[in-house]
């Protein structure tokens, strides 16, 4: 039987956690409500455009 090769996933995951744990102070921060509102507006625009300009 062949042995499974282990790649040290925990150590690489720890590096990613440390990378994503650092938050940039200058980064754009949006609340979840704003993101959901933008999604709803985008969906409404696509539906409206499909209704007004059928192919």
N, C-alpha and C. Protein backbone atom coordinates (compact mmCIF):
# COMPACT_ATOMS: atom_id res chain seq x y z
N UNK A 1 0.82 -1.19 0.00
CA UNK A 1 0.00 0.00 0.00
C UNK A 1 0.87 1.25 0.00
N UNK A 2 0.42 2.24 -0.74
CA UNK A 2 1.16 3.50 -0.79
C UNK A 2 0.76 4.36 0.40
N UNK A 3 1.75 5.02 0.96
CA UNK A 3 1.48 5.92 2.08
C UNK A 3 0.96 7.26 1.56
N UNK A 4 0.05 7.84 2.32
CA UNK A 4 -0.44 9.17 1.98
C UNK A 4 0.62 10.19 2.32
N UNK A 5 0.83 11.11 1.43
CA UNK A 5 1.84 12.14 1.66
C UNK A 5 1.19 13.30 2.40
N UNK A 6 1.70 13.62 3.57
CA UNK A 6 1.17 14.74 4.35
C UNK A 6 1.96 15.99 4.01
N UNK A 7 1.23 17.10 3.88
CA UNK A 7 1.88 18.33 3.43
C UNK A 7 1.94 19.41 4.50
N UNK A 8 1.62 19.11 5.73
CA UNK A 8 1.68 20.13 6.77
C UNK A 8 0.60 21.18 6.60
N UNK A 9 -0.62 20.74 6.43
CA UNK A 9 -1.72 21.67 6.20
C UNK A 9 -1.96 22.62 7.34
N UNK A 10 -1.71 22.19 8.56
CA UNK A 10 -1.96 23.07 9.71
C UNK A 10 -1.05 24.28 9.68
N UNK A 11 0.20 24.09 9.34
CA UNK A 11 1.13 25.22 9.32
C UNK A 11 0.77 26.21 8.24
N UNK A 12 0.39 25.73 7.07
CA UNK A 12 0.02 26.66 6.00
C UNK A 12 -1.30 27.35 6.34
N UNK A 13 -2.22 26.64 6.98
CA UNK A 13 -3.48 27.27 7.37
C UNK A 13 -3.23 28.34 8.43
N UNK A 14 -2.29 28.11 9.32
CA UNK A 14 -1.97 29.09 10.34
C UNK A 14 -1.45 30.38 9.70
N UNK A 15 -0.68 30.25 8.64
CA UNK A 15 -0.19 31.43 7.93
C UNK A 15 -1.32 32.21 7.29
N UNK A 16 -2.31 31.50 6.72
CA UNK A 16 -3.45 32.18 6.11
C UNK A 16 -4.30 32.87 7.17
N UNK A 17 -4.47 32.22 8.30
CA UNK A 17 -5.25 32.84 9.37
C UNK A 17 -4.56 34.11 9.85
N UNK A 18 -3.26 34.05 9.98
CA UNK A 18 -2.52 35.23 10.41
C UNK A 18 -2.62 36.34 9.37
N UNK A 19 -2.58 35.96 8.06
CA UNK A 19 -2.66 36.95 6.98
C UNK A 19 -4.04 37.61 6.98
N UNK A 20 -5.10 36.84 7.08
CA UNK A 20 -6.44 37.40 7.02
C UNK A 20 -6.86 38.03 8.35
N UNK A 21 -6.15 37.76 9.41
CA UNK A 21 -6.46 38.36 10.70
C UNK A 21 -6.03 39.83 10.73
N UNK A 22 -5.02 40.17 9.96
CA UNK A 22 -4.56 41.55 9.87
C UNK A 22 -5.55 42.34 9.03
N UNK A 23 -6.16 43.35 9.62
CA UNK A 23 -7.08 44.19 8.87
C UNK A 23 -6.39 45.51 8.57
N UNK A 24 -6.55 45.94 7.35
CA UNK A 24 -5.97 47.21 6.94
C UNK A 24 -6.88 48.35 7.40
N UNK A 25 -6.28 49.34 8.00
CA UNK A 25 -7.05 50.47 8.52
C UNK A 25 -7.64 51.31 7.39
N UNK A 26 -7.00 51.31 6.21
CA UNK A 26 -7.46 52.12 5.09
C UNK A 26 -8.44 51.38 4.19
N UNK A 27 -8.73 50.14 4.50
CA UNK A 27 -9.59 49.34 3.64
C UNK A 27 -11.03 49.84 3.68
N UNK A 28 -11.71 49.67 2.57
CA UNK A 28 -13.12 50.04 2.48
C UNK A 28 -13.94 49.06 3.28
N UNK A 29 -14.74 49.56 4.21
CA UNK A 29 -15.55 48.70 5.06
C UNK A 29 -17.01 48.95 4.76
N UNK A 30 -17.73 47.89 4.38
CA UNK A 30 -19.14 47.98 4.07
C UNK A 30 -19.91 47.11 5.05
N UNK A 31 -21.04 47.62 5.48
CA UNK A 31 -21.87 46.82 6.37
C UNK A 31 -22.62 45.77 5.53
N UNK A 32 -23.03 44.69 6.14
CA UNK A 32 -23.77 43.67 5.41
C UNK A 32 -25.07 44.18 4.79
N UNK A 33 -25.68 45.18 5.42
CA UNK A 33 -26.92 45.75 4.88
C UNK A 33 -26.65 46.43 3.54
N UNK A 34 -25.54 47.13 3.44
CA UNK A 34 -25.18 47.81 2.19
C UNK A 34 -24.90 46.79 1.10
N UNK A 35 -24.22 45.72 1.43
CA UNK A 35 -23.92 44.68 0.44
C UNK A 35 -25.21 44.04 -0.07
N UNK A 36 -26.14 43.73 0.84
CA UNK A 36 -27.41 43.14 0.43
C UNK A 36 -28.22 44.12 -0.42
N UNK A 37 -28.20 45.40 -0.06
CA UNK A 37 -28.92 46.40 -0.85
C UNK A 37 -28.34 46.52 -2.26
N UNK A 38 -27.02 46.51 -2.37
CA UNK A 38 -26.39 46.56 -3.69
C UNK A 38 -26.74 45.34 -4.53
N UNK A 39 -26.81 44.18 -3.91
CA UNK A 39 -27.21 42.96 -4.62
C UNK A 39 -28.65 43.07 -5.11
N UNK A 40 -29.53 43.57 -4.26
CA UNK A 40 -30.94 43.72 -4.64
C UNK A 40 -31.09 44.72 -5.79
N UNK A 41 -30.37 45.81 -5.74
CA UNK A 41 -30.43 46.81 -6.81
C UNK A 41 -29.90 46.23 -8.12
N UNK A 42 -28.81 45.49 -8.06
CA UNK A 42 -28.25 44.87 -9.26
C UNK A 42 -29.25 43.88 -9.87
N UNK A 43 -29.87 43.06 -9.03
CA UNK A 43 -30.87 42.11 -9.53
C UNK A 43 -32.03 42.85 -10.17
N UNK A 44 -32.49 43.92 -9.55
CA UNK A 44 -33.61 44.69 -10.10
C UNK A 44 -33.25 45.30 -11.45
N UNK A 45 -32.03 45.79 -11.59
CA UNK A 45 -31.60 46.37 -12.87
C UNK A 45 -31.55 45.31 -13.95
N UNK A 46 -31.06 44.13 -13.63
CA UNK A 46 -30.98 43.06 -14.63
C UNK A 46 -32.37 42.60 -15.04
N UNK A 47 -33.27 42.44 -14.08
CA UNK A 47 -34.63 42.02 -14.40
C UNK A 47 -35.34 43.08 -15.24
N UNK A 48 -35.18 44.34 -14.88
CA UNK A 48 -35.79 45.44 -15.62
C UNK A 48 -35.23 45.52 -17.04
N UNK A 49 -33.94 45.38 -17.19
CA UNK A 49 -33.32 45.42 -18.51
C UNK A 49 -33.77 44.25 -19.37
N UNK A 50 -33.96 43.09 -18.77
CA UNK A 50 -34.44 41.92 -19.50
C UNK A 50 -35.88 42.13 -19.96
N UNK A 51 -36.68 42.76 -19.12
CA UNK A 51 -38.08 43.02 -19.48
C UNK A 51 -38.19 44.10 -20.57
N UNK A 52 -37.37 45.12 -20.50
CA UNK A 52 -37.45 46.22 -21.46
C UNK A 52 -36.79 45.89 -22.80
N UNK A 53 -35.75 45.09 -22.78
CA UNK A 53 -35.01 44.79 -24.00
C UNK A 53 -34.92 43.29 -24.24
N UNK A 54 -36.03 42.65 -24.59
CA UNK A 54 -35.98 41.19 -24.83
C UNK A 54 -35.20 40.88 -26.10
N UNK A 55 -34.62 39.73 -26.13
CA UNK A 55 -33.80 39.38 -27.31
C UNK A 55 -34.61 38.66 -28.35
